[in-house]
Each structure stands twice: as structure tokens, then as C-alpha cells.
Amino acid sequence: MKLVFKKSVIKELMRLGAAESLRVALSIAEELSDQPERHKPLSGPLAGLRRLRVGDVRVVFAILAAPERVVILRVGHRKDVYDSPVPDPED
């Protein structure tokens, strides 16, 4: 499945530091390109989105059907990744 990153995600990855961002990027490539639907769905205001856990870092993503792709929306520490607004996956 095709992986699409929002522009803001690149900045968020850079804030994590070199080693951590590499680990997260590799996990995204491995875990989300094959079966993204197996990851935990979110609830509440983030219903319809899913998350990937990489240590203390969370990756918030959406699975879109047409065209089939996974859109990475947010990357950040687990304590605050869910606090700020998540971009629209369709934009």
C-alpha cells in the first residue's frame, strides 16, 4: 500500500532526533505498507484514524480507499501527540 506523509510529519520526525526518527521511519515502512488495518483504531474525536506504537512515540494515520493509500498525519511523543489538531487526510 502506498504511504503518504503530510508535510508537518517531516518536521515532527526531525524534532525526535536522528536515531529516534530513523527508528520510527523504518517502523512506518515495515508496519504500514503491508497490513495497516491491524493497528489499533482510535476513538473519540480521532475516530476513523489509527495509531502505530513505536516505543514512546505514536504515529497517527488514516487508511484511504480511493486511491488506496495510508496517510501519515502526526508523529510525536505519546503524552502530547493526541492533543493538537490532526490534519485532514484528504488534503
N, C-alpha and C. Protein backbone atom coordinates (compact mmCIF):
# COMPACT_ATOMS: atom_id res chain seq x y z
N MET A 1 0.85 -1.18 0.00
CA MET A 1 0.00 0.00 0.00
C MET A 1 0.90 1.24 0.00
N LYS A 2 0.49 2.26 -0.72
CA LYS A 2 1.27 3.49 -0.84
C LYS A 2 1.22 4.28 0.47
N LEU A 3 2.38 4.80 0.90
CA LEU A 3 2.47 5.63 2.10
C LEU A 3 2.61 7.09 1.68
N VAL A 4 1.80 7.96 2.29
CA VAL A 4 1.83 9.40 2.01
C VAL A 4 2.05 10.11 3.34
N PHE A 5 3.02 11.03 3.37
CA PHE A 5 3.33 11.79 4.59
C PHE A 5 2.85 13.22 4.43
N LYS A 6 2.14 13.74 5.43
CA LYS A 6 1.81 15.16 5.46
C LYS A 6 3.12 15.94 5.66
N LYS A 7 3.19 17.17 5.16
CA LYS A 7 4.40 17.98 5.29
C LYS A 7 4.79 18.18 6.75
N SER A 8 3.81 18.35 7.61
CA SER A 8 4.09 18.58 9.03
C SER A 8 4.76 17.38 9.69
N VAL A 9 4.53 16.18 9.16
CA VAL A 9 5.12 14.97 9.75
C VAL A 9 6.63 14.98 9.61
N ILE A 10 7.14 15.50 8.52
CA ILE A 10 8.59 15.57 8.32
C ILE A 10 9.23 16.42 9.42
N LYS A 11 8.62 17.56 9.74
CA LYS A 11 9.12 18.42 10.82
C LYS A 11 9.03 17.70 12.16
N GLU A 12 7.93 16.99 12.38
CA GLU A 12 7.76 16.26 13.64
C GLU A 12 8.81 15.16 13.78
N LEU A 13 9.13 14.48 12.69
CA LEU A 13 10.17 13.45 12.73
C LEU A 13 11.53 14.07 13.05
N MET A 14 11.83 15.22 12.48
CA MET A 14 13.12 15.87 12.72
C MET A 14 13.27 16.29 14.18
N ARG A 15 12.17 16.63 14.83
CA ARG A 15 12.22 17.02 16.25
C ARG A 15 12.57 15.85 17.16
N LEU A 16 12.36 14.63 16.70
CA LEU A 16 12.63 13.46 17.53
C LEU A 16 14.12 13.16 17.69
N GLY A 17 14.94 13.66 16.80
CA GLY A 17 16.36 13.34 16.83
C GLY A 17 16.66 12.28 15.78
N ALA A 18 17.92 12.17 15.40
CA ALA A 18 18.31 11.31 14.28
C ALA A 18 18.00 9.83 14.52
N ALA A 19 18.43 9.30 15.65
CA ALA A 19 18.25 7.86 15.91
C ALA A 19 16.78 7.50 16.05
N GLU A 20 16.04 8.31 16.80
CA GLU A 20 14.62 8.03 17.03
C GLU A 20 13.82 8.17 15.74
N SER A 21 14.10 9.21 14.95
CA SER A 21 13.35 9.40 13.70
C SER A 21 13.64 8.28 12.71
N LEU A 22 14.86 7.78 12.68
CA LEU A 22 15.19 6.65 11.81
C LEU A 22 14.41 5.40 12.24
N ARG A 23 14.36 5.16 13.53
CA ARG A 23 13.63 4.00 14.05
C ARG A 23 12.14 4.10 13.72
N VAL A 24 11.57 5.28 13.88
CA VAL A 24 10.15 5.49 13.58
C VAL A 24 9.90 5.34 12.07
N ALA A 25 10.76 5.92 11.24
CA ALA A 25 10.59 5.83 9.79
C ALA A 25 10.66 4.38 9.31
N LEU A 26 11.59 3.61 9.86
CA LEU A 26 11.69 2.20 9.49
C LEU A 26 10.45 1.42 9.93
N SER A 27 9.95 1.73 11.11
CA SER A 27 8.73 1.06 11.60
C SER A 27 7.53 1.40 10.72
N ILE A 28 7.43 2.65 10.31
CA ILE A 28 6.34 3.05 9.42
C ILE A 28 6.41 2.25 8.12
N ALA A 29 7.60 2.18 7.54
CA ALA A 29 7.75 1.46 6.27
C ALA A 29 7.42 -0.02 6.41
N GLU A 30 7.87 -0.64 7.49
CA GLU A 30 7.64 -2.07 7.70
C GLU A 30 6.19 -2.37 8.07
N GLU A 31 5.65 -1.63 9.01
CA GLU A 31 4.36 -1.96 9.61
C GLU A 31 3.15 -1.49 8.80
N LEU A 32 3.27 -0.37 8.12
CA LEU A 32 2.09 0.22 7.49
C LEU A 32 1.97 -0.05 6.00
N SER A 33 3.03 -0.53 5.36
CA SER A 33 2.94 -0.76 3.92
C SER A 33 2.21 -2.05 3.58
N ASP A 34 2.13 -2.99 4.52
CA ASP A 34 1.52 -4.28 4.24
C ASP A 34 0.09 -4.40 4.76
N GLN A 35 -0.09 -4.37 6.08
CA GLN A 35 -1.42 -4.53 6.69
C GLN A 35 -1.70 -3.44 7.72
N PRO A 36 -1.96 -2.22 7.27
CA PRO A 36 -2.17 -1.12 8.22
C PRO A 36 -3.43 -1.29 9.06
N GLU A 37 -4.41 -2.04 8.58
CA GLU A 37 -5.67 -2.19 9.32
C GLU A 37 -5.53 -3.01 10.59
N ARG A 38 -4.41 -3.66 10.80
CA ARG A 38 -4.24 -4.45 12.02
C ARG A 38 -3.85 -3.59 13.23
N HIS A 39 -3.57 -2.32 13.01
CA HIS A 39 -3.18 -1.44 14.11
C HIS A 39 -4.40 -0.82 14.78
N LYS A 40 -4.20 -0.43 16.03
CA LYS A 40 -5.30 -0.01 16.90
C LYS A 40 -6.07 1.20 16.36
N PRO A 41 -7.40 1.07 16.24
CA PRO A 41 -8.21 2.23 15.87
C PRO A 41 -8.36 3.18 17.06
N LEU A 42 -8.43 4.46 16.77
CA LEU A 42 -8.60 5.47 17.81
C LEU A 42 -10.08 5.76 18.00
N SER A 43 -10.41 6.38 19.12
CA SER A 43 -11.81 6.68 19.42
C SER A 43 -11.96 8.17 19.74
N GLY A 44 -13.18 8.55 20.06
CA GLY A 44 -13.45 9.94 20.40
C GLY A 44 -13.29 10.85 19.21
N PRO A 45 -12.66 12.02 19.40
CA PRO A 45 -12.53 12.97 18.29
C PRO A 45 -11.63 12.44 17.16
N LEU A 46 -10.84 11.41 17.45
CA LEU A 46 -9.94 10.84 16.44
C LEU A 46 -10.50 9.56 15.83
N ALA A 47 -11.78 9.31 16.02
CA ALA A 47 -12.41 8.11 15.45
C ALA A 47 -12.21 8.09 13.94
N GLY A 48 -11.93 6.92 13.41
CA GLY A 48 -11.67 6.77 11.99
C GLY A 48 -10.19 6.75 11.67
N LEU A 49 -9.37 7.14 12.65
CA LEU A 49 -7.92 7.11 12.49
C LEU A 49 -7.35 5.93 13.27
N ARG A 50 -6.10 5.62 13.01
CA ARG A 50 -5.43 4.52 13.71
C ARG A 50 -4.09 5.00 14.22
N ARG A 51 -3.46 4.16 15.06
CA ARG A 51 -2.16 4.53 15.59
C ARG A 51 -1.18 3.36 15.52
N LEU A 52 0.07 3.72 15.34
CA LEU A 52 1.19 2.78 15.38
C LEU A 52 2.03 3.18 16.58
N ARG A 53 2.37 2.20 17.41
CA ARG A 53 3.19 2.45 18.60
C ARG A 53 4.63 2.06 18.30
N VAL A 54 5.56 3.00 18.52
CA VAL A 54 7.00 2.74 18.36
C VAL A 54 7.66 3.25 19.64
N GLY A 55 7.75 2.41 20.66
CA GLY A 55 8.26 2.84 21.95
C GLY A 55 7.33 3.88 22.55
N ASP A 56 7.87 5.05 22.90
CA ASP A 56 7.06 6.14 23.45
C ASP A 56 6.51 7.06 22.37
N VAL A 57 6.80 6.76 21.13
CA VAL A 57 6.34 7.58 20.01
C VAL A 57 5.08 6.95 19.41
N ARG A 58 4.13 7.80 19.01
CA ARG A 58 2.92 7.34 18.36
C ARG A 58 2.82 7.96 16.97
N VAL A 59 2.39 7.14 16.02
CA VAL A 59 2.16 7.58 14.65
C VAL A 59 0.66 7.50 14.41
N VAL A 60 0.03 8.63 14.11
CA VAL A 60 -1.41 8.67 13.84
C VAL A 60 -1.57 8.67 12.32
N PHE A 61 -2.40 7.75 11.81
CA PHE A 61 -2.56 7.63 10.37
C PHE A 61 -3.99 7.29 10.00
N ALA A 62 -4.29 7.49 8.71
CA ALA A 62 -5.61 7.16 8.16
C ALA A 62 -5.41 6.22 6.98
N ILE A 63 -6.36 5.32 6.80
CA ILE A 63 -6.36 4.43 5.65
C ILE A 63 -7.44 4.93 4.70
N LEU A 64 -7.04 5.29 3.49
CA LEU A 64 -7.99 5.80 2.49
C LEU A 64 -8.14 4.78 1.36
N ALA A 65 -9.35 4.66 0.86
CA ALA A 65 -9.66 3.60 -0.10
C ALA A 65 -9.41 3.99 -1.56
N ALA A 66 -9.73 5.21 -1.93
CA ALA A 66 -9.62 5.55 -3.35
C ALA A 66 -8.81 6.82 -3.54
N PRO A 67 -7.63 6.78 -4.08
CA PRO A 67 -6.84 5.58 -4.34
C PRO A 67 -6.32 5.00 -3.03
N GLU A 68 -6.06 3.72 -3.04
CA GLU A 68 -5.67 3.01 -1.82
C GLU A 68 -4.32 3.53 -1.33
N ARG A 69 -4.34 4.10 -0.11
CA ARG A 69 -3.10 4.65 0.46
C ARG A 69 -3.25 4.81 1.97
N VAL A 70 -2.10 4.94 2.63
CA VAL A 70 -2.05 5.23 4.06
C VAL A 70 -1.46 6.63 4.20
N VAL A 71 -2.18 7.51 4.89
CA VAL A 71 -1.72 8.89 5.07
C VAL A 71 -1.24 9.05 6.51
N ILE A 72 0.04 9.37 6.68
CA ILE A 72 0.63 9.60 7.99
C ILE A 72 0.32 11.05 8.36
N LEU A 73 -0.42 11.23 9.48
CA LEU A 73 -0.92 12.55 9.85
C LEU A 73 -0.13 13.22 10.96
N ARG A 74 0.31 12.47 11.94
CA ARG A 74 1.03 13.03 13.10
C ARG A 74 2.05 12.02 13.59
N VAL A 75 3.16 12.52 14.11
CA VAL A 75 4.17 11.71 14.79
C VAL A 75 4.61 12.51 16.00
N GLY A 76 4.62 11.87 17.17
CA GLY A 76 5.05 12.58 18.37
C GLY A 76 5.05 11.70 19.59
N HIS A 77 5.52 12.26 20.68
CA HIS A 77 5.56 11.54 21.95
C HIS A 77 4.14 11.23 22.40
N ARG A 78 3.98 10.11 23.04
CA ARG A 78 2.64 9.63 23.41
C ARG A 78 1.89 10.58 24.33
N LYS A 79 2.61 11.38 25.11
CA LYS A 79 1.93 12.27 26.06
C LYS A 79 1.23 13.44 25.39
N ASP A 80 1.67 13.83 24.16
CA ASP A 80 1.05 15.01 23.57
C ASP A 80 0.67 14.87 22.09
N VAL A 81 0.86 13.72 21.50
CA VAL A 81 0.56 13.58 20.07
C VAL A 81 -0.93 13.72 19.77
N TYR A 82 -1.78 13.38 20.73
CA TYR A 82 -3.22 13.43 20.51
C TYR A 82 -3.84 14.78 20.88
N ASP A 83 -3.05 15.70 21.46
CA ASP A 83 -3.58 16.96 21.97
C ASP A 83 -3.85 18.01 20.89
N SER A 84 -2.96 18.14 19.92
CA SER A 84 -3.14 19.18 18.91
C SER A 84 -3.97 18.66 17.73
N PRO A 85 -4.54 19.56 16.96
CA PRO A 85 -5.42 19.14 15.86
C PRO A 85 -4.69 18.28 14.84
N VAL A 86 -5.40 17.30 14.32
CA VAL A 86 -4.85 16.40 13.31
C VAL A 86 -5.28 16.91 11.94
N PRO A 87 -4.35 16.99 10.97
CA PRO A 87 -4.72 17.47 9.63
C PRO A 87 -5.73 16.54 8.95
N ASP A 88 -6.45 17.09 8.00
CA ASP A 88 -7.42 16.31 7.24
C ASP A 88 -6.66 15.37 6.29
N PRO A 89 -6.94 14.07 6.33
CA PRO A 89 -6.21 13.13 5.48
C PRO A 89 -6.48 13.32 3.99
N GLU A 90 -7.57 13.96 3.63
CA GLU A 90 -7.92 14.14 2.22
C GLU A 90 -7.17 15.30 1.57
N ASP A 91 -6.62 16.22 2.35
CA ASP A 91 -5.92 17.40 1.80
C ASP A 91 -4.57 17.04 1.25
